[in-house]
Amino acid sequence: MAGDPDTEEAGIRRRRRFGPLFATVWGVYLIDPLRKAWEFDDPVARAYTVTVIVAFGVCYVWSYWMLVRGPVQRPWPPSLSLRTVVAPLAVQALLMIAAAVTLHSAVLGMGVYLASYIGFTTPIKPAILLQLILILATCVVPQAIIGQRPEFGVMESIALAGFAVAGVRVILVRNHELFLARKQITELAVAEERLRVGRDVHDILGHSLTVITVKTELAQRLIDLDPQRAKTEMSEVEQLAREALAGVRTTVGGLREVSLAGELANARTALRAAEIDAELPDSDDLPIRNSVVFGWVLREAITNVVRHSGASHCWVRVTPGSIEVADDGVGQHAGARDGSGLSGLRERVRATGGTLTLANRPEGGFRVLASFPVNDKERE
């Protein structure tokens, strides 16, 4: 299971703080050149060499310190750049050359630092090339200039340090890529959840408020003509308002369930309140498959019939692979764009493998058709 990105980010920051400590551990390789420098009889040479070696060590640790600064989202380890790789390596190489004036071939042990820094900061392919060049230079340059071969184990130490740290870099890169991927997945999940909640709240409130409005208008007309029925209508309005509030709460909590049978009952109530004749299927004949998405289609379509159609008649037809809601109202004006409800409905249907068709009927009115693929057994 993916971890909490905030926790992982804090963990990455903590591990990065160990960068300077990681560099300091390599200070063990400076002990031998420092010991040899301290044994010089000439105090000037001794002071000069010790100063250069200490400066080299400080530069090395400071280079790692510069690496760990910056946001966690920055590529890690940093890509090849002048500030993080070229300049520190150049300074370290110059200090190493300066130490060679007095240490001669004994300075080659400091090549371990160059190898480890190259391995840590450079992508694997150029790192391998640079490591090979460094190893070759360690072998050839002392022999060519001062006629001395490097001490036993120097080249081996340089090679081991360089390639080992390069392996560590590969692991760090993969871990950082995994962290960013998890962070992106979390952000996408949050965005998807917001979209779901927004879509569900729109569908729930849009339908409920439409029915509440129709019933309230009906109750106002009946106050003088039939006070008892007006009272009944207002009681139903109160119940609808409570159901809408409960629906919003369950939607936010991710517990909202919609079924075709339940939405057919709601559709019957809404159409009756709007004084629209309805032809609805029996609840016993409803398919089990796609019941949830059929319920959302029916809810949104009936909301639009009651709110916008001006229809006097509405039909609902359900098969195992489709649901159709049609009316004899004014239809949709040419060039009119789908509202947010129909746009959200189209996304719901598409997400479950279906297609949504919205069109005016040739004989007048509007039709909403959601179709889903079915097998031969379901058609029977």
Protein backbone atom coordinates (compact mmCIF):
# COMPACT_ATOMS: atom_id res chain seq x y z
CA MET A 1 0.00 0.00 0.00
CA ALA A 2 1.28 3.45 -0.88
CA GLY A 3 2.36 5.52 2.07
CA ASP A 4 1.20 8.99 3.00
CA PRO A 5 3.02 11.42 0.65
CA ASP A 6 3.38 14.00 3.42
CA THR A 7 5.04 11.39 5.66
CA GLU A 8 7.27 10.25 2.80
CA GLU A 9 8.23 13.84 2.04
CA ALA A 10 9.28 14.38 5.66
CA GLY A 11 11.25 11.13 5.50
CA ILE A 12 13.06 12.24 2.35
CA ARG A 13 13.99 15.53 3.98
CA ARG A 14 15.37 13.68 7.01
CA ARG A 15 17.43 11.35 4.84
CA ARG A 16 18.78 14.28 2.86
CA ARG A 17 20.12 15.84 6.02
CA PHE A 18 22.47 12.88 6.26
CA GLY A 19 24.17 14.00 3.03
CA PRO A 20 26.88 16.00 4.79
CA LEU A 21 27.26 13.18 7.35
CA PHE A 22 27.61 10.72 4.49
CA ALA A 23 30.36 12.90 3.04
CA THR A 24 32.09 13.23 6.40
CA VAL A 25 32.35 9.44 6.75
CA TRP A 26 34.58 9.42 3.68
CA GLY A 27 37.03 11.57 5.66
CA VAL A 28 38.78 8.37 6.68
CA TYR A 29 40.56 8.45 3.31
CA LEU A 30 42.17 11.79 4.24
CA ILE A 31 43.89 10.34 7.30
CA ASP A 32 46.76 8.84 5.33
CA PRO A 33 47.64 12.00 3.32
CA LEU A 34 47.31 14.09 6.49
CA ARG A 35 49.66 11.74 8.32
CA LYS A 36 52.22 11.98 5.53
CA ALA A 37 51.91 15.76 5.42
CA TRP A 38 52.41 15.98 9.17
CA GLU A 39 55.65 14.02 8.85
CA PHE A 40 57.24 16.63 6.56
CA ASP A 41 60.40 18.16 8.02
CA ASP A 42 59.80 21.47 6.26
CA PRO A 43 57.23 23.42 8.35
CA VAL A 44 56.15 25.45 5.32
CA ALA A 45 55.47 22.32 3.25
CA ARG A 46 53.73 20.78 6.23
CA ALA A 47 51.46 23.79 6.77
CA TYR A 48 50.78 24.16 3.05
CA THR A 49 49.85 20.50 2.56
CA VAL A 50 47.69 20.24 5.66
CA THR A 51 45.84 23.43 4.67
CA VAL A 52 45.17 22.12 1.16
CA ILE A 53 43.94 18.75 2.44
CA VAL A 54 41.63 20.37 5.00
CA ALA A 55 40.31 22.74 2.33
CA PHE A 56 39.69 19.72 0.11
CA GLY A 57 37.69 17.99 2.84
CA VAL A 58 35.66 21.13 3.61
CA CYS A 59 34.90 21.58 -0.10
CA TYR A 60 33.77 17.97 -0.35
CA VAL A 61 31.40 18.21 2.63
CA TRP A 62 30.12 21.61 1.48
CA SER A 63 29.38 20.18 -1.97
CA TYR A 64 27.10 17.56 -0.42
CA TRP A 65 25.48 20.20 1.75
CA MET A 66 24.60 22.18 -1.37
CA LEU A 67 23.05 19.05 -2.86
CA VAL A 68 20.57 18.51 -0.04
CA ARG A 69 19.13 22.01 -0.22
CA GLY A 70 15.96 22.71 -2.20
CA PRO A 71 12.42 21.31 -2.48
CA VAL A 72 11.76 17.59 -2.28
CA GLN A 73 10.10 17.71 -5.71
CA ARG A 74 13.44 18.67 -7.30
CA PRO A 75 15.04 15.75 -9.20
CA TRP A 76 17.07 13.70 -6.76
CA PRO A 77 19.96 13.31 -6.87
CA PRO A 78 20.31 16.54 -8.86
CA SER A 79 20.98 16.26 -12.57
CA LEU A 80 24.31 17.23 -14.09
CA SER A 81 24.76 21.00 -13.67
CA LEU A 82 27.46 23.60 -13.22
CA ARG A 83 26.52 24.36 -9.60
CA THR A 84 26.08 20.84 -8.28
CA VAL A 85 28.65 18.84 -10.24
CA VAL A 86 31.05 20.67 -12.52
CA ALA A 87 32.14 23.46 -10.16
CA PRO A 88 32.63 21.24 -7.05
CA LEU A 89 34.54 18.64 -9.07
CA ALA A 90 36.73 21.34 -10.62
CA VAL A 91 37.57 22.82 -7.21
CA GLN A 92 38.31 19.38 -5.74
CA ALA A 93 40.52 18.50 -8.72
CA LEU A 94 42.46 21.77 -8.40
CA LEU A 95 43.00 21.20 -4.67
CA MET A 96 44.11 17.65 -5.39
CA ILE A 97 46.65 18.97 -7.92
CA ALA A 98 47.81 21.55 -5.38
CA ALA A 99 48.37 18.78 -2.81
CA ALA A 100 50.31 16.75 -5.38
CA VAL A 101 53.06 19.41 -5.34
CA THR A 102 54.23 18.04 -1.99
CA LEU A 103 52.49 14.67 -1.64
CA HIS A 104 53.36 13.38 -5.12
CA SER A 105 51.76 9.95 -5.75
CA ALA A 106 50.37 9.81 -2.20
CA VAL A 107 47.74 12.31 -3.31
CA LEU A 108 46.07 9.68 -5.49
CA GLY A 109 44.13 8.33 -2.53
CA MET A 110 42.10 11.54 -2.64
CA GLY A 111 40.78 10.34 -6.00
CA VAL A 112 38.29 8.27 -4.00
CA TYR A 113 36.45 11.52 -3.26
CA LEU A 114 36.23 12.48 -6.90
CA ALA A 115 34.99 9.00 -7.77
CA SER A 116 32.29 9.00 -5.08
CA TYR A 117 31.11 12.50 -5.96
CA ILE A 118 30.92 11.62 -9.65
CA GLY A 119 28.96 8.48 -8.82
CA PHE A 120 26.53 10.35 -6.58
CA THR A 121 25.80 13.33 -8.82
CA THR A 122 26.09 12.04 -12.37
CA PRO A 123 23.66 9.84 -14.34
CA ILE A 124 24.83 6.26 -14.65
CA LYS A 125 26.16 6.26 -18.24
CA PRO A 126 28.32 9.41 -18.03
CA ALA A 127 29.30 8.36 -14.50
CA ILE A 128 30.76 5.08 -15.80
CA LEU A 129 32.70 6.94 -18.49
CA LEU A 130 34.08 9.49 -16.02
CA GLN A 131 34.99 6.74 -13.54
CA LEU A 132 36.97 4.89 -16.22
CA ILE A 133 38.77 8.12 -17.19
CA LEU A 134 39.61 8.80 -13.53
CA ILE A 135 40.95 5.27 -13.00
CA LEU A 136 43.04 5.49 -16.18
CA ALA A 137 44.43 8.89 -15.14
CA THR A 138 45.32 7.51 -11.71
CA CYS A 139 47.33 4.78 -13.36
CA VAL A 140 48.99 6.72 -16.20
CA VAL A 141 49.63 10.28 -14.95
CA PRO A 142 51.95 9.47 -11.99
CA GLN A 143 53.96 7.08 -14.14
CA ALA A 144 54.32 9.62 -16.95
CA ILE A 145 55.16 12.68 -14.81
CA ILE A 146 57.14 11.46 -11.83
CA GLY A 147 57.87 7.88 -12.80
CA GLN A 148 55.96 6.43 -9.86
CA ARG A 149 53.18 3.88 -9.88
CA PRO A 150 50.23 4.37 -7.54
CA GLU A 151 50.35 2.49 -4.27
CA PHE A 152 48.68 -0.90 -4.07
CA GLY A 153 44.90 -0.71 -3.70
CA VAL A 154 44.52 2.93 -4.80
CA MET A 155 42.93 2.17 -8.16
CA GLU A 156 40.84 -0.59 -6.61
CA SER A 157 39.55 1.81 -3.93
CA ILE A 158 38.70 4.46 -6.52
CA ALA A 159 36.83 1.95 -8.69
CA LEU A 160 34.98 0.43 -5.73
CA ALA A 161 33.96 3.81 -4.31
CA GLY A 162 32.82 5.20 -7.65
CA PHE A 163 30.71 2.27 -8.76
CA ALA A 164 29.29 1.58 -5.30
CA VAL A 165 28.09 5.17 -4.91
CA ALA A 166 26.73 5.11 -8.47
CA GLY A 167 24.60 2.15 -7.39
CA VAL A 168 23.36 4.13 -4.40
CA ARG A 169 22.43 6.95 -6.75
CA VAL A 170 20.35 4.61 -8.91
CA ILE A 171 18.44 3.49 -5.81
CA LEU A 172 17.86 7.10 -4.74
CA VAL A 173 16.60 8.06 -8.18
CA ARG A 174 14.15 5.14 -8.24
CA ASN A 175 12.92 5.95 -4.75
CA HIS A 176 12.40 9.60 -5.67
CA GLU A 177 10.51 8.65 -8.83
CA LEU A 178 8.34 6.34 -6.74
CA PHE A 179 7.67 9.15 -4.25
CA LEU A 180 6.63 11.53 -7.04
CA ALA A 181 4.42 8.86 -8.63
CA ARG A 182 2.68 8.21 -5.31
CA LYS A 183 2.21 11.93 -4.79
CA GLN A 184 0.68 12.29 -8.25
CA ILE A 185 -1.62 9.31 -7.70
CA THR A 186 -2.80 10.84 -4.42
CA GLU A 187 -3.46 14.21 -6.07
CA LEU A 188 -5.38 12.53 -8.89
CA ALA A 189 -7.41 10.53 -6.38
CA VAL A 190 -8.29 13.72 -4.48
CA ALA A 191 -9.29 15.46 -7.72
CA GLU A 192 -11.39 12.46 -8.77
CA GLU A 193 -13.10 12.38 -5.37
CA ARG A 194 -13.90 16.09 -5.59
CA LEU A 195 -15.36 15.55 -9.05
CA ARG A 196 -17.44 12.62 -7.79
CA VAL A 197 -18.78 14.55 -4.81
CA GLY A 198 -19.57 17.59 -6.95
CA ARG A 199 -21.35 15.47 -9.55
CA ASP A 200 -23.34 13.52 -6.97
CA VAL A 201 -24.34 16.63 -5.02
CA HIS A 202 -25.48 18.29 -8.25
CA ASP A 203 -27.57 15.29 -9.24
CA ILE A 204 -29.07 14.83 -5.79
CA LEU A 205 -29.90 18.47 -5.13
CA GLY A 206 -30.91 19.18 -8.72
CA HIS A 207 -33.55 16.48 -8.66
CA SER A 208 -34.73 17.07 -5.10
CA LEU A 209 -34.95 20.86 -5.40
CA THR A 210 -36.82 20.56 -8.70
CA VAL A 211 -39.45 18.31 -7.11
CA ILE A 212 -39.60 20.55 -4.04
CA THR A 213 -40.18 23.60 -6.25
CA VAL A 214 -42.95 21.87 -8.22
CA LYS A 215 -44.67 20.59 -5.09
CA THR A 216 -44.43 23.99 -3.39
CA GLU A 217 -46.03 25.70 -6.39
CA LEU A 218 -48.76 23.06 -6.41
CA ALA A 219 -49.37 23.53 -2.69
CA GLN A 220 -49.71 27.30 -3.16
CA ARG A 221 -52.38 26.76 -5.81
CA LEU A 222 -54.24 24.31 -3.57
CA ILE A 223 -54.24 26.36 -0.35
CA ASP A 224 -57.70 27.81 -1.06
CA LEU A 225 -59.06 25.02 -3.29
CA ASP A 226 -58.02 21.95 -1.29
CA PRO A 227 -56.28 22.84 1.99
CA GLN A 228 -55.94 19.19 3.03
CA ARG A 229 -54.10 18.23 -0.17
CA ALA A 230 -51.96 21.37 0.12
CA LYS A 231 -51.00 20.24 3.60
CA THR A 232 -50.12 16.79 2.23
CA GLU A 233 -47.96 18.32 -0.49
CA MET A 234 -46.08 20.46 2.04
CA SER A 235 -45.49 17.40 4.23
CA GLU A 236 -43.97 15.68 1.21
CA VAL A 237 -41.84 18.78 0.56
CA GLU A 238 -40.50 18.54 4.10
CA GLN A 239 -39.73 14.86 3.62
CA LEU A 240 -37.98 15.56 0.30
CA ALA A 241 -35.86 18.26 1.92
CA ARG A 242 -34.80 15.87 4.68
CA GLU A 243 -33.98 13.17 2.13
CA ALA A 244 -31.92 15.65 0.09
CA LEU A 245 -29.97 16.68 3.19
CA ALA A 246 -29.35 13.04 4.09
CA GLY A 247 -28.29 12.37 0.49
CA VAL A 248 -25.72 15.16 0.58
CA ARG A 249 -24.32 13.85 3.85
CA THR A 250 -23.98 10.30 2.58
CA THR A 251 -22.47 11.54 -0.68
CA VAL A 252 -19.78 13.50 1.15
CA GLY A 253 -19.13 10.41 3.25
CA GLY A 254 -18.85 8.24 0.15
CA LEU A 255 -21.83 6.08 1.14
CA ARG A 256 -24.40 7.26 -1.40
CA GLU A 257 -26.22 4.39 -3.14
CA VAL A 258 -28.55 4.81 -6.10
CA SER A 259 -30.75 2.09 -7.56
CA LEU A 260 -33.06 1.98 -10.55
CA ALA A 261 -36.01 0.79 -8.47
CA GLY A 262 -35.61 3.63 -6.00
CA GLU A 263 -35.27 6.24 -8.73
CA LEU A 264 -38.38 4.92 -10.51
CA ALA A 265 -40.35 5.55 -7.32
CA ASN A 266 -38.88 9.06 -7.11
CA ALA A 267 -39.64 9.67 -10.79
CA ARG A 268 -43.27 8.64 -10.31
CA THR A 269 -43.61 11.12 -7.43
CA ALA A 270 -41.90 13.96 -9.32
CA LEU A 271 -43.90 13.49 -12.54
CA ARG A 272 -47.19 13.25 -10.64
CA ALA A 273 -46.41 16.48 -8.77
CA ALA A 274 -45.61 18.20 -12.08
CA GLU A 275 -48.88 16.86 -13.53
CA ILE A 276 -47.03 14.96 -16.26
CA ASP A 277 -48.51 11.64 -17.37
CA ALA A 278 -45.92 8.91 -17.00
CA GLU A 279 -45.42 5.47 -18.47
CA LEU A 280 -42.95 3.68 -16.23
CA PRO A 281 -41.88 0.02 -16.17
CA ASP A 282 -42.85 -2.25 -13.31
CA SER A 283 -40.20 -2.66 -10.65
CA ASP A 284 -40.43 -6.45 -11.07
CA ASP A 285 -39.16 -6.22 -14.67
CA LEU A 286 -36.00 -4.24 -13.96
CA PRO A 287 -32.56 -5.63 -14.88
CA ILE A 288 -30.07 -6.12 -12.06
CA ARG A 289 -27.02 -5.27 -14.17
CA ASN A 290 -26.28 -1.55 -14.56
CA SER A 291 -28.92 -0.73 -11.95
CA VAL A 292 -26.82 2.03 -10.38
CA VAL A 293 -25.91 3.89 -13.57
CA PHE A 294 -29.48 3.40 -14.88
CA GLY A 295 -30.67 5.04 -11.67
CA TRP A 296 -28.41 8.08 -12.24
CA VAL A 297 -29.58 8.37 -15.86
CA LEU A 298 -33.22 8.24 -14.79
CA ARG A 299 -32.70 10.79 -12.01
CA GLU A 300 -31.05 13.38 -14.27
CA ALA A 301 -33.42 12.79 -17.19
CA ILE A 302 -36.56 13.12 -15.05
CA THR A 303 -35.13 16.27 -13.42
CA ASN A 304 -34.77 17.83 -16.88
CA VAL A 305 -38.26 16.70 -17.94
CA VAL A 306 -39.84 18.33 -14.89
CA ARG A 307 -37.68 21.46 -14.99
CA HIS A 308 -37.29 22.28 -18.68
CA SER A 309 -39.44 20.22 -21.03
CA GLY A 310 -42.94 21.66 -20.60
CA ALA A 311 -44.12 18.15 -21.46
CA SER A 312 -47.46 16.57 -20.71
CA HIS A 313 -46.30 13.01 -21.20
CA CYS A 314 -43.13 11.08 -20.34
CA TRP A 315 -42.03 7.54 -21.19
CA VAL A 316 -39.37 5.41 -19.53
CA ARG A 317 -38.25 2.19 -21.22
CA VAL A 318 -35.69 -0.18 -19.73
CA THR A 319 -33.98 -3.19 -21.31
CA PRO A 320 -30.99 -5.21 -20.04
CA GLY A 321 -28.67 -3.01 -22.12
CA SER A 322 -30.38 0.39 -22.23
CA ILE A 323 -32.59 2.93 -20.54
CA GLU A 324 -34.57 5.52 -22.49
CA VAL A 325 -36.40 8.55 -21.14
CA ALA A 326 -38.51 10.49 -23.64
CA ASP A 327 -41.06 13.30 -23.43
CA ASP A 328 -43.38 15.26 -25.73
CA GLY A 329 -42.18 18.69 -24.63
CA VAL A 330 -40.42 21.50 -26.47
CA GLY A 331 -37.15 19.63 -26.97
CA GLN A 332 -33.70 21.20 -27.02
CA HIS A 333 -33.06 24.40 -28.94
CA ALA A 334 -30.62 24.17 -31.85
CA GLY A 335 -27.08 24.97 -30.74
CA ALA A 336 -27.91 24.64 -27.06
CA ARG A 337 -25.12 23.19 -24.95
CA ASP A 338 -25.52 20.45 -22.37
CA GLY A 339 -25.70 21.66 -18.79
CA SER A 340 -23.41 20.44 -16.04
CA GLY A 341 -25.90 17.73 -15.10
CA LEU A 342 -25.97 16.13 -18.56
CA SER A 343 -22.21 16.57 -18.92
CA GLY A 344 -21.68 14.76 -15.62
CA LEU A 345 -24.15 12.08 -16.70
CA ARG A 346 -22.22 11.53 -19.92
CA GLU A 347 -19.04 11.00 -17.85
CA ARG A 348 -20.82 8.48 -15.61
CA VAL A 349 -22.09 6.47 -18.56
CA ARG A 350 -18.74 6.56 -20.36
CA ALA A 351 -16.92 5.46 -17.19
CA THR A 352 -19.06 2.30 -17.03
CA GLY A 353 -18.56 1.39 -20.70
CA GLY A 354 -21.74 2.85 -22.16
CA THR A 355 -22.76 5.60 -24.56
CA LEU A 356 -25.22 8.43 -23.95
CA THR A 357 -27.39 9.81 -26.76
CA LEU A 358 -29.22 13.11 -26.35
CA ALA A 359 -31.50 14.18 -29.19
CA ASN A 360 -34.82 15.78 -30.08
CA ARG A 361 -37.57 13.37 -31.13
CA PRO A 362 -38.89 13.73 -34.72
CA GLU A 363 -42.45 13.85 -33.40
CA GLY A 364 -41.54 16.47 -30.81
CA GLY A 365 -39.93 16.39 -27.43
CA PHE A 366 -36.57 15.14 -26.21
CA ARG A 367 -34.96 11.73 -25.71
CA VAL A 368 -32.19 10.53 -23.40
CA LEU A 369 -30.80 7.08 -24.27
CA ALA A 370 -28.03 5.29 -22.38
CA SER A 371 -26.82 2.10 -24.07
CA PHE A 372 -24.49 -0.60 -22.77
CA PRO A 373 -23.10 -3.72 -24.44
CA VAL A 374 -24.91 -6.94 -23.50
CA ASN A 375 -24.30 -10.59 -24.27
CA ASP A 376 -26.73 -12.96 -25.96
CA LYS A 377 -27.88 -14.45 -22.66
CA GLU A 378 -28.87 -11.02 -21.32
CA ARG A 379 -30.86 -10.22 -24.48
CA GLU A 380 -33.08 -13.27 -24.04
